[in-house]
């Protein structure tokens, strides 16, 4: 069982293949108005909101989420999120893959 300390991460990213794991993580900390561009993956992505007010877009659907909320996007569905503020947001993005592979759509 790997235990990954903050100083052992590559910034905000943990690639499962580097630790013998079948999942990868991105720990996103963003300011108001920030978030990733529209993209998609060939695997599920799960978002766990730890702090902040987030607008998620998945396909044609848009929804609001806050601390404690969890969202799961199926493979192939275009998605993105934006921190609506007023403060910083913190989200753990769980990629169901030992590597993070995506296609940017915007």
PDB file of N, CA and C in Angstrom:
ATOM      1  N   UNK A   1       0.852  -1.178   0.000  1.00  0.00           N
ATOM      2  CA  UNK A   1       0.000   0.000   0.000  1.00  0.00           C
ATOM      3  C   UNK A   1       0.893   1.233   0.000  1.00  0.00           C
ATOM      4  N   UNK A   2       0.836   2.022  -1.071  1.00  0.00           N
ATOM      5  CA  UNK A   2       1.652   3.237  -1.062  1.00  0.00           C
ATOM      6  C   UNK A   2       1.025   4.326  -0.190  1.00  0.00           C
ATOM      7  N   UNK A   3       1.878   5.024   0.530  1.00  0.00           N
ATOM      8  CA  UNK A   3       1.482   6.220   1.260  1.00  0.00           C
ATOM      9  C   UNK A   3       2.214   7.361   0.583  1.00  0.00           C
ATOM     10  N   UNK A   4       1.462   8.303   0.047  1.00  0.00           N
ATOM     11  CA  UNK A   4       2.048   9.362  -0.761  1.00  0.00           C
ATOM     12  C   UNK A   4       1.975  10.667   0.011  1.00  0.00           C
ATOM     13  N   UNK A   5       3.114  11.169   0.406  1.00  0.00           N
ATOM     14  CA  UNK A   5       3.203  12.428   1.141  1.00  0.00           C
ATOM     15  C   UNK A   5       3.172  13.595   0.155  1.00  0.00           C
ATOM     16  N   UNK A   6       2.715  14.763   0.586  1.00  0.00           N
ATOM     17  CA  UNK A   6       2.652  15.918  -0.323  1.00  0.00           C
ATOM     18  C   UNK A   6       3.965  16.190  -1.048  1.00  0.00           C
ATOM     19  N   UNK A   7       5.080  16.061  -0.370  1.00  0.00           N
ATOM     20  CA  UNK A   7       6.362  16.341  -1.007  1.00  0.00           C
ATOM     21  C   UNK A   7       6.745  15.278  -2.046  1.00  0.00           C
ATOM     22  N   UNK A   8       6.035  14.132  -2.055  1.00  0.00           N
ATOM     23  CA  UNK A   8       6.310  13.068  -3.013  1.00  0.00           C
ATOM     24  C   UNK A   8       5.448  13.162  -4.270  1.00  0.00           C
ATOM     25  N   UNK A   9       4.559  14.133  -4.306  1.00  0.00           N
ATOM     26  CA  UNK A   9       3.676  14.308  -5.472  1.00  0.00           C
ATOM     27  C   UNK A   9       4.355  15.176  -6.510  1.00  0.00           C
ATOM     28  N   UNK A  10       3.885  15.041  -7.733  1.00  0.00           N
ATOM     29  CA  UNK A  10       4.298  15.921  -8.822  1.00  0.00           C
ATOM     30  C   UNK A  10       3.320  17.085  -8.837  1.00  0.00           C
ATOM     31  N   UNK A  11       3.541  18.061  -7.967  1.00  0.00           N
ATOM     32  CA  UNK A  11       2.601  19.176  -7.842  1.00  0.00           C
ATOM     33  C   UNK A  11       1.277  18.675  -7.325  1.00  0.00           C
ATOM     34  N   UNK A  12       0.230  18.905  -8.103  1.00  0.00           N
ATOM     35  CA  UNK A  12      -1.112  18.515  -7.678  1.00  0.00           C
ATOM     36  C   UNK A  12      -1.533  17.163  -8.255  1.00  0.00           C
ATOM     37  N   UNK A  13      -0.636  16.478  -8.947  1.00  0.00           N
ATOM     38  CA  UNK A  13      -0.987  15.248  -9.656  1.00  0.00           C
ATOM     39  C   UNK A  13      -0.332  14.022  -9.033  1.00  0.00           C
ATOM     40  N   UNK A  14      -1.125  12.950  -8.928  1.00  0.00           N
ATOM     41  CA  UNK A  14      -0.608  11.649  -8.512  1.00  0.00           C
ATOM     42  C   UNK A  14      -0.952  10.671  -9.626  1.00  0.00           C
ATOM     43  N   UNK A  15       0.069  10.183 -10.311  1.00  0.00           N
ATOM     44  CA  UNK A  15      -0.145   9.179 -11.362  1.00  0.00           C
ATOM     45  C   UNK A  15      -0.081   7.797 -10.730  1.00  0.00           C
ATOM     46  N   UNK A  16      -1.158   7.050 -10.865  1.00  0.00           N
ATOM     47  CA  UNK A  16      -1.222   5.730 -10.264  1.00  0.00           C
ATOM     48  C   UNK A  16      -0.090   4.819 -10.689  1.00  0.00           C
ATOM     49  N   UNK A  17       0.300   4.902 -11.962  1.00  0.00           N
ATOM     50  CA  UNK A  17       1.357   4.015 -12.454  1.00  0.00           C
ATOM     51  C   UNK A  17       2.671   4.219 -11.703  1.00  0.00           C
ATOM     52  N   UNK A  18       2.886   5.408 -11.157  1.00  0.00           N
ATOM     53  CA  UNK A  18       4.108   5.682 -10.393  1.00  0.00           C
ATOM     54  C   UNK A  18       4.102   5.022  -9.014  1.00  0.00           C
ATOM     55  N   UNK A  19       2.931   4.532  -8.586  1.00  0.00           N
ATOM     56  CA  UNK A  19       2.780   3.989  -7.236  1.00  0.00           C
ATOM     57  C   UNK A  19       2.143   2.600  -7.229  1.00  0.00           C
ATOM     58  N   UNK A  20       2.055   1.964  -8.400  1.00  0.00           N
ATOM     59  CA  UNK A  20       1.462   0.635  -8.482  1.00  0.00           C
ATOM     60  C   UNK A  20      -0.030   0.640  -8.239  1.00  0.00           C
ATOM     61  N   UNK A  21      -0.704   1.759  -8.555  1.00  0.00           N
ATOM     62  CA  UNK A  21      -2.148   1.896  -8.314  1.00  0.00           C
ATOM     63  C   UNK A  21      -2.913   1.950  -9.643  1.00  0.00           C
ATOM     64  N   UNK A  22      -4.184   1.621  -9.591  1.00  0.00           N
ATOM     65  CA  UNK A  22      -5.015   1.602 -10.796  1.00  0.00           C
ATOM     66  C   UNK A  22      -5.777   2.899 -11.020  1.00  0.00           C
ATOM     67  N   UNK A  23      -5.611   3.892 -10.134  1.00  0.00           N
ATOM     68  CA  UNK A  23      -6.258   5.195 -10.299  1.00  0.00           C
ATOM     69  C   UNK A  23      -5.203   6.296 -10.234  1.00  0.00           C
ATOM     70  N   UNK A  24      -5.570   7.465 -10.727  1.00  0.00           N
ATOM     71  CA  UNK A  24      -4.731   8.652 -10.626  1.00  0.00           C
ATOM     72  C   UNK A  24      -5.560   9.767 -10.013  1.00  0.00           C
ATOM     73  N   UNK A  25      -4.894  10.782  -9.460  1.00  0.00           N
ATOM     74  CA  UNK A  25      -5.581  11.894  -8.800  1.00  0.00           C
ATOM     75  C   UNK A  25      -5.027  13.228  -9.266  1.00  0.00           C
ATOM     76  N   UNK A  26      -5.898  14.207  -9.321  1.00  0.00           N
ATOM     77  CA  UNK A  26      -5.498  15.596  -9.431  1.00  0.00           C
ATOM     78  C   UNK A  26      -6.142  16.316  -8.257  1.00  0.00           C
ATOM     79  N   UNK A  27      -5.345  17.016  -7.484  1.00  0.00           N
ATOM     80  CA  UNK A  27      -5.871  17.806  -6.379  1.00  0.00           C
ATOM     81  C   UNK A  27      -5.896  19.245  -6.869  1.00  0.00           C
ATOM     82  N   UNK A  28      -7.082  19.695  -7.242  1.00  0.00           N
ATOM     83  CA  UNK A  28      -7.245  21.002  -7.867  1.00  0.00           C
ATOM     84  C   UNK A  28      -7.555  22.055  -6.812  1.00  0.00           C
ATOM     85  N   UNK A  29      -6.751  23.097  -6.787  1.00  0.00           N
ATOM     86  CA  UNK A  29      -7.016  24.261  -5.945  1.00  0.00           C
ATOM     87  C   UNK A  29      -7.079  25.451  -6.887  1.00  0.00           C
ATOM     88  N   UNK A  30      -8.241  26.075  -6.972  1.00  0.00           N
ATOM     89  CA  UNK A  30      -8.408  27.148  -7.945  1.00  0.00           C
ATOM     90  C   UNK A  30      -9.085  28.359  -7.318  1.00  0.00           C
ATOM     91  N   UNK A  31      -8.790  29.503  -7.892  1.00  0.00           N
ATOM     92  CA  UNK A  31      -9.410  30.746  -7.465  1.00  0.00           C
ATOM     93  C   UNK A  31     -10.723  30.965  -8.192  1.00  0.00           C
ATOM     94  N   UNK A  32     -11.468  31.979  -7.793  1.00  0.00           N
ATOM     95  CA  UNK A  32     -12.735  32.288  -8.454  1.00  0.00           C
ATOM     96  C   UNK A  32     -12.551  32.469  -9.961  1.00  0.00           C
ATOM     97  N   UNK A  33     -13.482  31.869 -10.712  1.00  0.00           N
ATOM     98  CA  UNK A  33     -13.450  31.956 -12.169  1.00  0.00           C
ATOM     99  C   UNK A  33     -12.529  30.957 -12.835  1.00  0.00           C
ATOM    100  N   UNK A  34     -11.785  30.182 -12.055  1.00  0.00           N
ATOM    101  CA  UNK A  34     -10.843  29.227 -12.629  1.00  0.00           C
ATOM    102  C   UNK A  34     -11.422  27.824 -12.681  1.00  0.00           C
ATOM    103  N   UNK A  35     -10.793  26.993 -13.500  1.00  0.00           N
ATOM    104  CA  UNK A  35     -11.151  25.591 -13.648  1.00  0.00           C
ATOM    105  C   UNK A  35     -10.648  25.102 -14.991  1.00  0.00           C
ATOM    106  N   UNK A  36     -10.652  23.802 -15.214  1.00  0.00           N
ATOM    107  CA  UNK A  36     -10.146  23.270 -16.477  1.00  0.00           C
ATOM    108  C   UNK A  36     -11.091  23.547 -17.644  1.00  0.00           C
ATOM    109  N   UNK A  37     -10.508  23.607 -18.841  1.00  0.00           N
ATOM    110  CA  UNK A  37     -11.299  23.739 -20.071  1.00  0.00           C
ATOM    111  C   UNK A  37     -12.085  22.447 -20.323  1.00  0.00           C
ATOM    112  N   UNK A  38     -13.032  22.528 -21.238  1.00  0.00           N
ATOM    113  CA  UNK A  38     -13.838  21.365 -21.616  1.00  0.00           C
ATOM    114  C   UNK A  38     -12.927  20.263 -22.163  1.00  0.00           C
ATOM    115  N   UNK A  39     -13.111  19.054 -21.639  1.00  0.00           N
ATOM    116  CA  UNK A  39     -12.304  17.915 -22.056  1.00  0.00           C
ATOM    117  C   UNK A  39     -13.085  16.629 -21.795  1.00  0.00           C
ATOM    118  N   UNK A  40     -12.504  15.502 -22.174  1.00  0.00           N
ATOM    119  CA  UNK A  40     -13.121  14.201 -21.897  1.00  0.00           C
ATOM    120  C   UNK A  40     -12.037  13.142 -21.748  1.00  0.00           C
ATOM    121  N   UNK A  41     -12.444  12.028 -21.134  1.00  0.00           N
ATOM    122  CA  UNK A  41     -11.547  10.896 -20.902  1.00  0.00           C
ATOM    123  C   UNK A  41     -12.247   9.620 -21.359  1.00  0.00           C
ATOM    124  N   UNK A  42     -11.475   8.570 -21.591  1.00  0.00           N
ATOM    125  CA  UNK A  42     -12.027   7.264 -21.972  1.00  0.00           C
ATOM    126  C   UNK A  42     -12.396   6.434 -20.748  1.00  0.00           C
ATOM    127  N   UNK A  43     -12.396   7.056 -19.569  1.00  0.00           N
ATOM    128  CA  UNK A  43     -12.695   6.376 -18.303  1.00  0.00           C
ATOM    129  C   UNK A  43     -13.502   7.330 -17.412  1.00  0.00           C
ATOM    130  N   UNK A  44     -14.086   6.787 -16.336  1.00  0.00           N
ATOM    131  CA  UNK A  44     -14.819   7.610 -15.364  1.00  0.00           C
ATOM    132  C   UNK A  44     -13.881   8.615 -14.704  1.00  0.00           C
ATOM    133  N   UNK A  45     -14.440   9.791 -14.380  1.00  0.00           N
ATOM    134  CA  UNK A  45     -13.748  10.726 -13.505  1.00  0.00           C
ATOM    135  C   UNK A  45     -14.712  11.090 -12.383  1.00  0.00           C
ATOM    136  N   UNK A  46     -14.225  11.012 -11.161  1.00  0.00           N
ATOM    137  CA  UNK A  46     -15.032  11.328  -9.986  1.00  0.00           C
ATOM    138  C   UNK A  46     -14.472  12.578  -9.337  1.00  0.00           C
ATOM    139  N   UNK A  47     -15.362  13.510  -9.005  1.00  0.00           N
ATOM    140  CA  UNK A  47     -14.968  14.758  -8.347  1.00  0.00           C
ATOM    141  C   UNK A  47     -15.483  14.746  -6.911  1.00  0.00           C
ATOM    142  N   UNK A  48     -14.616  15.066  -5.971  1.00  0.00           N
ATOM    143  CA  UNK A  48     -14.992  15.207  -4.566  1.00  0.00           C
ATOM    144  C   UNK A  48     -14.687  16.654  -4.175  1.00  0.00           C
ATOM    145  N   UNK A  49     -15.746  17.424  -3.911  1.00  0.00           N
ATOM    146  CA  UNK A  49     -15.568  18.828  -3.563  1.00  0.00           C
ATOM    147  C   UNK A  49     -15.249  18.920  -2.074  1.00  0.00           C
ATOM    148  N   UNK A  50     -14.111  19.499  -1.756  1.00  0.00           N
ATOM    149  CA  UNK A  50     -13.716  19.674  -0.363  1.00  0.00           C
ATOM    150  C   UNK A  50     -14.008  21.088   0.130  1.00  0.00           C
ATOM    151  N   UNK A  51     -13.794  22.070  -0.738  1.00  0.00           N
ATOM    152  CA  UNK A  51     -14.050  23.473  -0.392  1.00  0.00           C
ATOM    153  C   UNK A  51     -14.546  24.191  -1.638  1.00  0.00           C
ATOM    154  N   UNK A  52     -15.374  25.200  -1.426  1.00  0.00           N
ATOM    155  CA  UNK A  52     -15.756  26.088  -2.520  1.00  0.00           C
ATOM    156  C   UNK A  52     -17.138  25.825  -3.091  1.00  0.00           C
ATOM    157  N   UNK A  53     -17.494  26.683  -4.028  1.00  0.00           N
ATOM    158  CA  UNK A  53     -18.766  26.614  -4.749  1.00  0.00           C
ATOM    159  C   UNK A  53     -18.439  26.405  -6.223  1.00  0.00           C
ATOM    160  N   UNK A  54     -18.821  25.263  -6.734  1.00  0.00           N
ATOM    161  CA  UNK A  54     -18.402  24.826  -8.055  1.00  0.00           C
ATOM    162  C   UNK A  54     -19.603  24.678  -8.982  1.00  0.00           C
ATOM    163  N   UNK A  55     -19.438  25.093 -10.239  1.00  0.00           N
ATOM    164  CA  UNK A  55     -20.391  24.752 -11.285  1.00  0.00           C
ATOM    165  C   UNK A  55     -19.741  23.688 -12.155  1.00  0.00           C
ATOM    166  N   UNK A  56     -20.368  22.528 -12.231  1.00  0.00           N
ATOM    167  CA  UNK A  56     -19.896  21.441 -13.076  1.00  0.00           C
ATOM    168  C   UNK A  56     -20.711  21.432 -14.359  1.00  0.00           C
ATOM    169  N   UNK A  57     -20.053  21.152 -15.455  1.00  0.00           N
ATOM    170  CA  UNK A  57     -20.733  20.904 -16.721  1.00  0.00           C
ATOM    171  C   UNK A  57     -20.325  19.508 -17.172  1.00  0.00           C
ATOM    172  N   UNK A  58     -21.318  18.679 -17.468  1.00  0.00           N
ATOM    173  CA  UNK A  58     -21.086  17.332 -17.977  1.00  0.00           C
ATOM    174  C   UNK A  58     -22.078  17.110 -19.112  1.00  0.00           C
ATOM    175  N   UNK A  59     -21.575  17.043 -20.347  1.00  0.00           N
ATOM    176  CA  UNK A  59     -22.464  16.969 -21.494  1.00  0.00           C
ATOM    177  C   UNK A  59     -23.299  18.230 -21.564  1.00  0.00           C
ATOM    178  N   UNK A  60     -24.613  18.076 -21.697  1.00  0.00           N
ATOM    179  CA  UNK A  60     -25.529  19.218 -21.765  1.00  0.00           C
ATOM    180  C   UNK A  60     -26.030  19.651 -20.398  1.00  0.00           C
ATOM    181  N   UNK A  61     -25.592  18.975 -19.340  1.00  0.00           N
ATOM    182  CA  UNK A  61     -26.068  19.271 -17.989  1.00  0.00           C
ATOM    183  C   UNK A  61     -25.084  20.151 -17.224  1.00  0.00           C
ATOM    184  N   UNK A  62     -25.646  21.048 -16.423  1.00  0.00           N
ATOM    185  CA  UNK A  62     -24.846  21.924 -15.564  1.00  0.00           C
ATOM    186  C   UNK A  62     -25.448  21.864 -14.167  1.00  0.00           C
ATOM    187  N   UNK A  63     -24.600  21.791 -13.140  1.00  0.00           N
ATOM    188  CA  UNK A  63     -25.125  21.727 -11.784  1.00  0.00           C
ATOM    189  C   UNK A  63     -24.149  22.355 -10.809  1.00  0.00           C
ATOM    190  N   UNK A  64     -24.695  22.791  -9.670  1.00  0.00           N
ATOM    191  CA  UNK A  64     -23.921  23.425  -8.598  1.00  0.00           C
ATOM    192  C   UNK A  64     -23.542  22.374  -7.566  1.00  0.00           C
ATOM    193  N   UNK A  65     -22.341  22.523  -7.003  1.00  0.00           N
ATOM    194  CA  UNK A  65     -21.888  21.598  -5.968  1.00  0.00           C
ATOM    195  C   UNK A  65     -21.086  22.362  -4.930  1.00  0.00           C
ATOM    196  N   UNK A  66     -21.078  21.817  -3.725  1.00  0.00           N
ATOM    197  CA  UNK A  66     -20.336  22.422  -2.623  1.00  0.00           C
ATOM    198  C   UNK A  66     -19.634  21.371  -1.801  1.00  0.00           C
ATOM    199  N   UNK A  67     -19.030  21.770  -0.695  1.00  0.00           N
ATOM    200  CA  UNK A  67     -18.263  20.853   0.139  1.00  0.00           C
ATOM    201  C   UNK A  67     -19.051  19.584   0.500  1.00  0.00           C
ATOM    202  N   UNK A  68     -18.395  18.448   0.292  1.00  0.00           N
ATOM    203  CA  UNK A  68     -19.009  17.158   0.590  1.00  0.00           C
ATOM    204  C   UNK A  68     -19.708  16.522  -0.588  1.00  0.00           C
ATOM    205  N   UNK A  69     -19.982  17.295  -1.644  1.00  0.00           N
ATOM    206  CA  UNK A  69     -20.654  16.734  -2.821  1.00  0.00           C
ATOM    207  C   UNK A  69     -19.672  15.927  -3.665  1.00  0.00           C
ATOM    208  N   UNK A  70     -20.202  14.881  -4.298  1.00  0.00           N
ATOM    209  CA  UNK A  70     -19.414  14.002  -5.166  1.00  0.00           C
ATOM    210  C   UNK A  70     -20.159  13.883  -6.492  1.00  0.00           C
ATOM    211  N   UNK A  71     -19.431  14.031  -7.595  1.00  0.00           N
ATOM    212  CA  UNK A  71     -20.013  13.882  -8.927  1.00  0.00           C
ATOM    213  C   UNK A  71     -19.170  12.878  -9.708  1.00  0.00           C
ATOM    214  N   UNK A  72     -19.839  12.062 -10.521  1.00  0.00           N
ATOM    215  CA  UNK A  72     -19.146  11.063 -11.333  1.00  0.00           C
ATOM    216  C   UNK A  72     -19.533  11.281 -12.789  1.00  0.00           C
ATOM    217  N   UNK A  73     -18.516  11.449 -13.634  1.00  0.00           N
ATOM    218  CA  UNK A  73     -18.739  11.654 -15.064  1.00  0.00           C
ATOM    219  C   UNK A  73     -18.354  10.368 -15.790  1.00  0.00           C
ATOM    220  N   UNK A  74     -19.270   9.824 -16.597  1.00  0.00           N
ATOM    221  CA  UNK A  74     -18.973   8.584 -17.325  1.00  0.00           C
ATOM    222  C   UNK A  74     -17.927   8.795 -18.422  1.00  0.00           C
ATOM    223  N   UNK A  75     -17.345   7.714 -18.901  1.00  0.00           N
ATOM    224  CA  UNK A  75     -16.361   7.802 -19.974  1.00  0.00           C
ATOM    225  C   UNK A  75     -16.930   8.501 -21.217  1.00  0.00           C
ATOM    226  N   UNK A  76     -16.104   9.311 -21.851  1.00  0.00           N
ATOM    227  CA  UNK A  76     -16.471   9.934 -23.115  1.00  0.00           C
ATOM    228  C   UNK A  76     -17.323  11.179 -23.021  1.00  0.00           C
ATOM    229  N   UNK A  77     -17.826  11.534 -21.841  1.00  0.00           N
ATOM    230  CA  UNK A  77     -18.704  12.698 -21.693  1.00  0.00           C
ATOM    231  C   UNK A  77     -17.848  13.962 -21.525  1.00  0.00           C
ATOM    232  N   UNK A  78     -18.020  14.964 -22.391  1.00  0.00           N
ATOM    233  CA  UNK A  78     -17.282  16.213 -22.232  1.00  0.00           C
ATOM    234  C   UNK A  78     -17.651  16.880 -20.908  1.00  0.00           C
ATOM    235  N   UNK A  79     -16.640  17.399 -20.214  1.00  0.00           N
ATOM    236  CA  UNK A  79     -16.896  17.988 -18.902  1.00  0.00           C
ATOM    237  C   UNK A  79     -15.861  19.057 -18.562  1.00  0.00           C
ATOM    238  N   UNK A  80     -16.256  19.911 -17.601  1.00  0.00           N
ATOM    239  CA  UNK A  80     -15.373  20.930 -17.039  1.00  0.00           C
ATOM    240  C   UNK A  80     -16.018  21.431 -15.762  1.00  0.00           C
ATOM    241  N   UNK A  81     -15.281  22.243 -15.004  1.00  0.00           N
ATOM    242  CA  UNK A  81     -15.872  22.889 -13.840  1.00  0.00           C
ATOM    243  C   UNK A  81     -15.259  24.255 -13.662  1.00  0.00           C
ATOM    244  N   UNK A  82     -15.998  25.115 -12.944  1.00  0.00           N
ATOM    245  CA  UNK A  82     -15.557  26.477 -12.666  1.00  0.00           C
ATOM    246  C   UNK A  82     -15.807  26.784 -11.205  1.00  0.00           C
ATOM    247  N   UNK A  83     -14.823  27.392 -10.557  1.00  0.00           N
ATOM    248  CA  UNK A  83     -14.989  27.861  -9.185  1.00  0.00           C
ATOM    249  C   UNK A  83     -15.806  29.149  -9.250  1.00  0.00           C
ATOM    250  N   UNK A  84     -16.977  29.159  -8.626  1.00  0.00           N
ATOM    251  CA  UNK A  84     -17.858  30.328  -8.641  1.00  0.00           C
ATOM    252  C   UNK A  84     -17.525  31.330  -7.547  1.00  0.00           C
ATOM    253  N   UNK A  85     -16.558  30.982  -6.663  1.00  0.00           N
ATOM    254  CA  UNK A  85     -16.156  31.921  -5.614  1.00  0.00           C
ATOM    255  C   UNK A  85     -17.156  31.952  -4.467  1.00  0.00           C
ATOM    256  N   UNK A  86     -16.969  32.838  -3.525  1.00  0.00           N
ATOM    257  CA  UNK A  86     -16.058  33.978  -3.585  1.00  0.00           C
ATOM    258  C   UNK A  86     -14.610  33.617  -3.262  1.00  0.00           C
ATOM    259  N   UNK A  87     -14.342  32.492  -2.616  1.00  0.00           N
ATOM    260  CA  UNK A  87     -12.972  32.135  -2.233  1.00  0.00           C
ATOM    261  C   UNK A  87     -12.418  31.012  -3.079  1.00  0.00           C
ATOM    262  N   UNK A  88     -11.331  30.440  -2.597  1.00  0.00           N
ATOM    263  CA  UNK A  88     -10.695  29.329  -3.304  1.00  0.00           C
ATOM    264  C   UNK A  88     -11.554  28.073  -3.220  1.00  0.00           C
ATOM    265  N   UNK A  89     -11.345  27.190  -4.182  1.00  0.00           N
ATOM    266  CA  UNK A  89     -12.002  25.887  -4.197  1.00  0.00           C
ATOM    267  C   UNK A  89     -10.931  24.803  -4.141  1.00  0.00           C
ATOM    268  N   UNK A  90     -11.308  23.677  -3.577  1.00  0.00           N
ATOM    269  CA  UNK A  90     -10.415  22.515  -3.528  1.00  0.00           C
ATOM    270  C   UNK A  90     -11.235  21.292  -3.902  1.00  0.00           C
ATOM    271  N   UNK A  91     -10.786  20.603  -4.948  1.00  0.00           N
ATOM    272  CA  UNK A  91     -11.497  19.432  -5.466  1.00  0.00           C
ATOM    273  C   UNK A  91     -10.485  18.311  -5.676  1.00  0.00           C
ATOM    274  N   UNK A  92     -10.833  17.106  -5.266  1.00  0.00           N
ATOM    275  CA  UNK A  92     -10.038  15.931  -5.591  1.00  0.00           C
ATOM    276  C   UNK A  92     -10.691  15.290  -6.815  1.00  0.00           C
ATOM    277  N   UNK A  93      -9.926  15.178  -7.895  1.00  0.00           N
ATOM    278  CA  UNK A  93     -10.398  14.591  -9.153  1.00  0.00           C
ATOM    279  C   UNK A  93      -9.784  13.202  -9.262  1.00  0.00           C
ATOM    280  N   UNK A  94     -10.627  12.178  -9.233  1.00  0.00           N
ATOM    281  CA  UNK A  94     -10.166  10.794  -9.252  1.00  0.00           C
ATOM    282  C   UNK A  94     -10.361  10.244 -10.666  1.00  0.00           C
ATOM    283  N   UNK A  95      -9.263   9.881 -11.298  1.00  0.00           N
ATOM    284  CA  UNK A  95      -9.280   9.330 -12.653  1.00  0.00           C
ATOM    285  C   UNK A  95      -9.185   7.811 -12.553  1.00  0.00           C
ATOM    286  N   UNK A  96     -10.130   7.107 -13.153  1.00  0.00           N
ATOM    287  CA  UNK A  96     -10.173   5.649 -13.091  1.00  0.00           C
ATOM    288  C   UNK A  96      -9.182   5.055 -14.085  1.00  0.00           C
ATOM    289  N   UNK A  97      -7.913   5.446 -13.929  1.00  0.00           N
ATOM    290  CA  UNK A  97      -6.854   5.009 -14.830  1.00  0.00           C
ATOM    291  C   UNK A  97      -5.509   5.223 -14.131  1.00  0.00           C
ATOM    292  N   UNK A  98      -4.537   4.355 -14.364  1.00  0.00           N
ATOM    293  CA  UNK A  98      -3.225   4.558 -13.765  1.00  0.00           C
ATOM    294  C   UNK A  98      -2.452   5.718 -14.404  1.00  0.00           C
ATOM    295  N   UNK A  99      -2.959   6.236 -15.525  1.00  0.00           N
ATOM    296  CA  UNK A  99      -2.377   7.418 -16.158  1.00  0.00           C
ATOM    297  C   UNK A  99      -3.518   8.392 -16.450  1.00  0.00           C
ATOM    298  N   UNK A 100      -3.194   9.660 -16.566  1.00  0.00           N
ATOM    299  CA  UNK A 100      -4.207  10.659 -16.879  1.00  0.00           C
ATOM    300  C   UNK A 100      -4.112  10.975 -18.371  1.00  0.00           C
ATOM    301  N   UNK A 101      -5.148  10.583 -19.089  1.00  0.00           N
ATOM    302  CA  UNK A 101      -5.180  10.781 -20.527  1.00  0.00           C
ATOM    303  C   UNK A 101      -6.499  11.463 -20.869  1.00  0.00           C
ATOM    304  N   UNK A 102      -6.433  12.570 -21.542  1.00  0.00           N
ATOM    305  CA  UNK A 102      -7.664  13.281 -21.907  1.00  0.00           C
ATOM    306  C   UNK A 102      -7.531  13.954 -23.255  1.00  0.00           C
ATOM    307  N   UNK A 103      -8.662  14.378 -23.748  1.00  0.00           N
ATOM    308  CA  UNK A 103      -8.733  15.106 -25.019  1.00  0.00           C
ATOM    309  C   UNK A 103      -9.340  16.474 -24.733  1.00  0.00           C
ATOM    310  N   UNK A 104      -8.570  17.541 -24.981  1.00  0.00           N
ATOM    311  CA  UNK A 104      -9.075  18.906 -24.787  1.00  0.00           C
ATOM    312  C   UNK A 104     -10.012  19.248 -25.930  1.00  0.00           C
ATOM    313  N   UNK A 105     -11.172  19.792 -25.585  1.00  0.00           N
ATOM    314  CA  UNK A 105     -12.201  20.122 -26.579  1.00  0.00           C
ATOM    315  C   UNK A 105     -12.361  21.616 -26.776  1.00  0.00           C
ATOM    316  N   UNK A 106     -11.760  22.425 -25.909  1.00  0.00           N
ATOM    317  CA  UNK A 106     -11.745  23.890 -26.061  1.00  0.00           C
ATOM    318  C   UNK A 106     -10.476  24.446 -25.461  1.00  0.00           C
TER     319      UNK A 106
END
